[in-house]
Amino acid sequence: MTTPESQYVLCCERELRVEVWNPAASETLVLWHGLTRTGRDFRTLTTHLSTLSPANS
């Protein structure tokens, strides 16, 4: 299993915590959870996507 890297970014004067799963990727996918949810809601999806490579698609 790939382990994400925790980072903080500034957006509209708010600091947001983000999980970076593949910093070397050429494209970015943003998954934004709702107010009452957490980033862990996407754990299964992000684990699966982080294991894909261009050769597999």
PDB file of N, CA and C in Angstrom:
ATOM      1  N   MET A   1       0.844  -1.184   0.000  1.00  0.00           N
ATOM      2  CA  MET A   1       0.000   0.000   0.000  1.00  0.00           C
ATOM      3  C   MET A   1       0.881   1.234   0.000  1.00  0.00           C
ATOM      4  N   THR A   2       0.514   2.197  -0.816  1.00  0.00           N
ATOM      5  CA  THR A   2       1.219   3.466  -0.866  1.00  0.00           C
ATOM      6  C   THR A   2       0.781   4.334   0.309  1.00  0.00           C
ATOM      7  N   THR A   3       1.712   5.031   0.913  1.00  0.00           N
ATOM      8  CA  THR A   3       1.399   5.914   2.030  1.00  0.00           C
ATOM      9  C   THR A   3       1.408   7.356   1.550  1.00  0.00           C
ATOM     10  N   PRO A   4       0.355   8.128   1.822  1.00  0.00           N
ATOM     11  CA  PRO A   4       0.315   9.509   1.363  1.00  0.00           C
ATOM     12  C   PRO A   4       1.230  10.414   2.190  1.00  0.00           C
ATOM     13  N   GLU A   5       1.629  11.503   1.579  1.00  0.00           N
ATOM     14  CA  GLU A   5       2.428  12.523   2.264  1.00  0.00           C
ATOM     15  C   GLU A   5       1.501  13.671   2.645  1.00  0.00           C
ATOM     16  N   SER A   6       1.496  14.052   3.896  1.00  0.00           N
ATOM     17  CA  SER A   6       0.651  15.142   4.371  1.00  0.00           C
ATOM     18  C   SER A   6       1.313  16.486   4.094  1.00  0.00           C
ATOM     19  N   GLN A   7       0.555  17.401   3.452  1.00  0.00           N
ATOM     20  CA  GLN A   7       1.054  18.744   3.161  1.00  0.00           C
ATOM     21  C   GLN A   7      -0.045  19.745   3.481  1.00  0.00           C
ATOM     22  N   TYR A   8       0.346  21.002   3.594  1.00  0.00           N
ATOM     23  CA  TYR A   8      -0.606  22.081   3.818  1.00  0.00           C
ATOM     24  C   TYR A   8      -0.480  23.089   2.689  1.00  0.00           C
ATOM     25  N   VAL A   9      -1.626  23.540   2.164  1.00  0.00           N
ATOM     26  CA  VAL A   9      -1.641  24.536   1.098  1.00  0.00           C
ATOM     27  C   VAL A   9      -2.542  25.694   1.518  1.00  0.00           C
ATOM     28  N   LEU A  10      -2.250  26.869   1.012  1.00  0.00           N
ATOM     29  CA  LEU A  10      -3.050  28.054   1.305  1.00  0.00           C
ATOM     30  C   LEU A  10      -4.023  28.282   0.160  1.00  0.00           C
ATOM     31  N   CYS A  11      -5.310  28.391   0.464  1.00  0.00           N
ATOM     32  CA  CYS A  11      -6.349  28.585  -0.538  1.00  0.00           C
ATOM     33  C   CYS A  11      -7.350  29.607   0.002  1.00  0.00           C
ATOM     34  N   CYS A  12      -7.441  30.752  -0.669  1.00  0.00           N
ATOM     35  CA  CYS A  12      -8.390  31.804  -0.246  1.00  0.00           C
ATOM     36  C   CYS A  12      -8.201  32.159   1.230  1.00  0.00           C
ATOM     37  N   GLU A  13      -6.963  32.335   1.622  1.00  0.00           N
ATOM     38  CA  GLU A  13      -6.589  32.707   2.984  1.00  0.00           C
ATOM     39  C   GLU A  13      -6.945  31.643   4.029  1.00  0.00           C
ATOM     40  N   ARG A  14      -7.137  30.416   3.584  1.00  0.00           N
ATOM     41  CA  ARG A  14      -7.397  29.287   4.482  1.00  0.00           C
ATOM     42  C   ARG A  14      -6.313  28.250   4.274  1.00  0.00           C
ATOM     43  N   GLU A  15      -5.843  27.668   5.365  1.00  0.00           N
ATOM     44  CA  GLU A  15      -4.854  26.604   5.262  1.00  0.00           C
ATOM     45  C   GLU A  15      -5.575  25.262   5.191  1.00  0.00           C
ATOM     46  N   LEU A  16      -5.301  24.512   4.137  1.00  0.00           N
ATOM     47  CA  LEU A  16      -5.937  23.215   3.938  1.00  0.00           C
ATOM     48  C   LEU A  16      -4.900  22.106   4.024  1.00  0.00           C
ATOM     49  N   ARG A  17      -5.258  21.034   4.700  1.00  0.00           N
ATOM     50  CA  ARG A  17      -4.383  19.862   4.747  1.00  0.00           C
ATOM     51  C   ARG A  17      -4.740  18.977   3.572  1.00  0.00           C
ATOM     52  N   VAL A  18      -3.724  18.544   2.838  1.00  0.00           N
ATOM     53  CA  VAL A  18      -3.941  17.666   1.695  1.00  0.00           C
ATOM     54  C   VAL A  18      -3.061  16.426   1.832  1.00  0.00           C
ATOM     55  N   GLU A  19      -3.490  15.350   1.206  1.00  0.00           N
ATOM     56  CA  GLU A  19      -2.695  14.133   1.144  1.00  0.00           C
ATOM     57  C   GLU A  19      -2.204  13.980  -0.287  1.00  0.00           C
ATOM     58  N   VAL A  20      -0.900  13.930  -0.448  1.00  0.00           N
ATOM     59  CA  VAL A  20      -0.293  13.754  -1.765  1.00  0.00           C
ATOM     60  C   VAL A  20       0.117  12.293  -1.883  1.00  0.00           C
ATOM     61  N   TRP A  21      -0.486  11.597  -2.840  1.00  0.00           N
ATOM     62  CA  TRP A  21      -0.243  10.164  -2.985  1.00  0.00           C
ATOM     63  C   TRP A  21       0.878   9.860  -3.964  1.00  0.00           C
ATOM     64  N   ASN A  22       1.083  10.718  -4.949  1.00  0.00           N
ATOM     65  CA  ASN A  22       2.136  10.476  -5.931  1.00  0.00           C
ATOM     66  C   ASN A  22       2.671  11.821  -6.416  1.00  0.00           C
ATOM     67  N   PRO A  23       3.623  12.400  -5.710  1.00  0.00           N
ATOM     68  CA  PRO A  23       4.116  13.729  -6.074  1.00  0.00           C
ATOM     69  C   PRO A  23       4.783  13.780  -7.443  1.00  0.00           C
ATOM     70  N   ALA A  24       5.182  12.646  -7.996  1.00  0.00           N
ATOM     71  CA  ALA A  24       5.833  12.620  -9.313  1.00  0.00           C
ATOM     72  C   ALA A  24       4.830  12.522 -10.463  1.00  0.00           C
ATOM     73  N   ALA A  25       3.552  12.422 -10.164  1.00  0.00           N
ATOM     74  CA  ALA A  25       2.536  12.264 -11.212  1.00  0.00           C
ATOM     75  C   ALA A  25       2.479  13.497 -12.112  1.00  0.00           C
ATOM     76  N   SER A  26       2.191  13.264 -13.380  1.00  0.00           N
ATOM     77  CA  SER A  26       2.117  14.372 -14.335  1.00  0.00           C
ATOM     78  C   SER A  26       0.755  15.065 -14.312  1.00  0.00           C
ATOM     79  N   GLU A  27      -0.247  14.424 -13.724  1.00  0.00           N
ATOM     80  CA  GLU A  27      -1.585  15.008 -13.623  1.00  0.00           C
ATOM     81  C   GLU A  27      -2.054  14.955 -12.170  1.00  0.00           C
ATOM     82  N   THR A  28      -3.010  15.820 -11.852  1.00  0.00           N
ATOM     83  CA  THR A  28      -3.525  15.896 -10.484  1.00  0.00           C
ATOM     84  C   THR A  28      -5.020  15.624 -10.470  1.00  0.00           C
ATOM     85  N   LEU A  29      -5.465  14.847  -9.509  1.00  0.00           N
ATOM     86  CA  LEU A  29      -6.874  14.594  -9.270  1.00  0.00           C
ATOM     87  C   LEU A  29      -7.188  15.113  -7.869  1.00  0.00           C
ATOM     88  N   VAL A  30      -8.184  15.984  -7.760  1.00  0.00           N
ATOM     89  CA  VAL A  30      -8.573  16.539  -6.467  1.00  0.00           C
ATOM     90  C   VAL A  30      -9.901  15.921  -6.059  1.00  0.00           C
ATOM     91  N   LEU A  31      -9.926  15.329  -4.868  1.00  0.00           N
ATOM     92  CA  LEU A  31     -11.148  14.790  -4.276  1.00  0.00           C
ATOM     93  C   LEU A  31     -11.460  15.640  -3.056  1.00  0.00           C
ATOM     94  N   TRP A  32     -12.585  16.314  -3.054  1.00  0.00           N
ATOM     95  CA  TRP A  32     -12.927  17.261  -1.996  1.00  0.00           C
ATOM     96  C   TRP A  32     -14.154  16.732  -1.258  1.00  0.00           C
ATOM     97  N   HIS A  33     -13.980  16.410   0.014  1.00  0.00           N
ATOM     98  CA  HIS A  33     -15.105  15.863   0.780  1.00  0.00           C
ATOM     99  C   HIS A  33     -16.005  16.982   1.282  1.00  0.00           C
ATOM    100  N   GLY A  34     -17.204  16.618   1.683  1.00  0.00           N
ATOM    101  CA  GLY A  34     -18.165  17.594   2.197  1.00  0.00           C
ATOM    102  C   GLY A  34     -17.858  18.005   3.626  1.00  0.00           C
ATOM    103  N   LEU A  35     -18.628  18.916   4.128  1.00  0.00           N
ATOM    104  CA  LEU A  35     -18.410  19.504   5.449  1.00  0.00           C
ATOM    105  C   LEU A  35     -18.422  18.464   6.571  1.00  0.00           C
ATOM    106  N   THR A  36     -19.277  17.488   6.474  1.00  0.00           N
ATOM    107  CA  THR A  36     -19.400  16.516   7.573  1.00  0.00           C
ATOM    108  C   THR A  36     -18.654  15.216   7.315  1.00  0.00           C
ATOM    109  N   ARG A  37     -17.801  15.187   6.302  1.00  0.00           N
ATOM    110  CA  ARG A  37     -17.062  13.982   5.956  1.00  0.00           C
ATOM    111  C   ARG A  37     -15.562  14.204   6.183  1.00  0.00           C
ATOM    112  N   THR A  38     -14.751  13.181   5.904  1.00  0.00           N
ATOM    113  CA  THR A  38     -13.299  13.303   6.036  1.00  0.00           C
ATOM    114  C   THR A  38     -12.614  12.725   4.803  1.00  0.00           C
ATOM    115  N   GLY A  39     -11.324  13.017   4.663  1.00  0.00           N
ATOM    116  CA  GLY A  39     -10.554  12.478   3.557  1.00  0.00           C
ATOM    117  C   GLY A  39     -10.454  10.970   3.574  1.00  0.00           C
ATOM    118  N   ARG A  40     -10.673  10.374   4.746  1.00  0.00           N
ATOM    119  CA  ARG A  40     -10.633   8.909   4.839  1.00  0.00           C
ATOM    120  C   ARG A  40     -11.765   8.260   4.033  1.00  0.00           C
ATOM    121  N   ASP A  41     -12.798   9.035   3.689  1.00  0.00           N
ATOM    122  CA  ASP A  41     -13.868   8.502   2.850  1.00  0.00           C
ATOM    123  C   ASP A  41     -13.334   8.035   1.501  1.00  0.00           C
ATOM    124  N   PHE A  42     -12.209   8.588   1.066  1.00  0.00           N
ATOM    125  CA  PHE A  42     -11.645   8.271  -0.239  1.00  0.00           C
ATOM    126  C   PHE A  42     -10.501   7.260  -0.166  1.00  0.00           C
ATOM    127  N   ARG A  43     -10.233   6.691   0.991  1.00  0.00           N
ATOM    128  CA  ARG A  43      -9.051   5.849   1.176  1.00  0.00           C
ATOM    129  C   ARG A  43      -9.003   4.678   0.186  1.00  0.00           C
ATOM    130  N   THR A  44     -10.083   3.965  -0.009  1.00  0.00           N
ATOM    131  CA  THR A  44     -10.084   2.838  -0.940  1.00  0.00           C
ATOM    132  C   THR A  44      -9.789   3.308  -2.361  1.00  0.00           C
ATOM    133  N   LEU A  45     -10.448   4.386  -2.781  1.00  0.00           N
ATOM    134  CA  LEU A  45     -10.239   4.916  -4.127  1.00  0.00           C
ATOM    135  C   LEU A  45      -8.810   5.416  -4.324  1.00  0.00           C
ATOM    136  N   THR A  46      -8.298   6.186  -3.387  1.00  0.00           N
ATOM    137  CA  THR A  46      -6.947   6.739  -3.549  1.00  0.00           C
ATOM    138  C   THR A  46      -5.879   5.648  -3.490  1.00  0.00           C
ATOM    139  N   THR A  47      -6.094   4.635  -2.677  1.00  0.00           N
ATOM    140  CA  THR A  47      -5.147   3.522  -2.629  1.00  0.00           C
ATOM    141  C   THR A  47      -5.098   2.827  -3.990  1.00  0.00           C
ATOM    142  N   HIS A  48      -6.248   2.595  -4.572  1.00  0.00           N
ATOM    143  CA  HIS A  48      -6.309   1.950  -5.881  1.00  0.00           C
ATOM    144  C   HIS A  48      -5.673   2.832  -6.961  1.00  0.00           C
ATOM    145  N   LEU A  49      -6.032   4.110  -7.000  1.00  0.00           N
ATOM    146  CA  LEU A  49      -5.513   5.006  -8.040  1.00  0.00           C
ATOM    147  C   LEU A  49      -4.013   5.208  -7.924  1.00  0.00           C
ATOM    148  N   SER A  50      -3.483   5.194  -6.716  1.00  0.00           N
ATOM    149  CA  SER A  50      -2.052   5.432  -6.531  1.00  0.00           C
ATOM    150  C   SER A  50      -1.195   4.276  -7.037  1.00  0.00           C
ATOM    151  N   THR A  51      -1.810   3.114  -7.257  1.00  0.00           N
ATOM    152  CA  THR A  51      -1.054   1.972  -7.748  1.00  0.00           C
ATOM    153  C   THR A  51      -1.077   1.878  -9.268  1.00  0.00           C
ATOM    154  N   LEU A  52      -1.879   2.711  -9.927  1.00  0.00           N
ATOM    155  CA  LEU A  52      -1.954   2.674 -11.386  1.00  0.00           C
ATOM    156  C   LEU A  52      -0.754   3.371 -11.986  1.00  0.00           C
ATOM    157  N   SER A  53      -0.342   2.907 -13.123  1.00  0.00           N
ATOM    158  CA  SER A  53       0.735   3.575 -13.863  1.00  0.00           C
ATOM    159  C   SER A  53       0.281   3.735 -15.307  1.00  0.00           C
ATOM    160  N   PRO A  54       0.879   4.657 -16.063  1.00  0.00           N
ATOM    161  CA  PRO A  54       0.488   4.837 -17.462  1.00  0.00           C
ATOM    162  C   PRO A  54       0.569   3.537 -18.265  1.00  0.00           C
ATOM    163  N   ALA A  55       1.499   2.666 -17.912  1.00  0.00           N
ATOM    164  CA  ALA A  55       1.640   1.395 -18.623  1.00  0.00           C
ATOM    165  C   ALA A  55       0.440   0.481 -18.401  1.00  0.00           C
ATOM    166  N   ASN A  56      -0.278   0.684 -17.289  1.00  0.00           N
ATOM    167  CA  ASN A  56      -1.432  -0.159 -16.959  1.00  0.00           C
ATOM    168  C   ASN A  56      -2.728   0.348 -17.573  1.00  0.00           C
ATOM    169  N   SER A  57      -2.733   1.569 -18.097  1.00  0.00           N
ATOM    170  CA  SER A  57      -3.994   2.125 -18.620  1.00  0.00           C
ATOM    171  C   SER A  57      -4.113   1.963 -20.110  1.00  0.00           C
TER     172      SER A  57
END
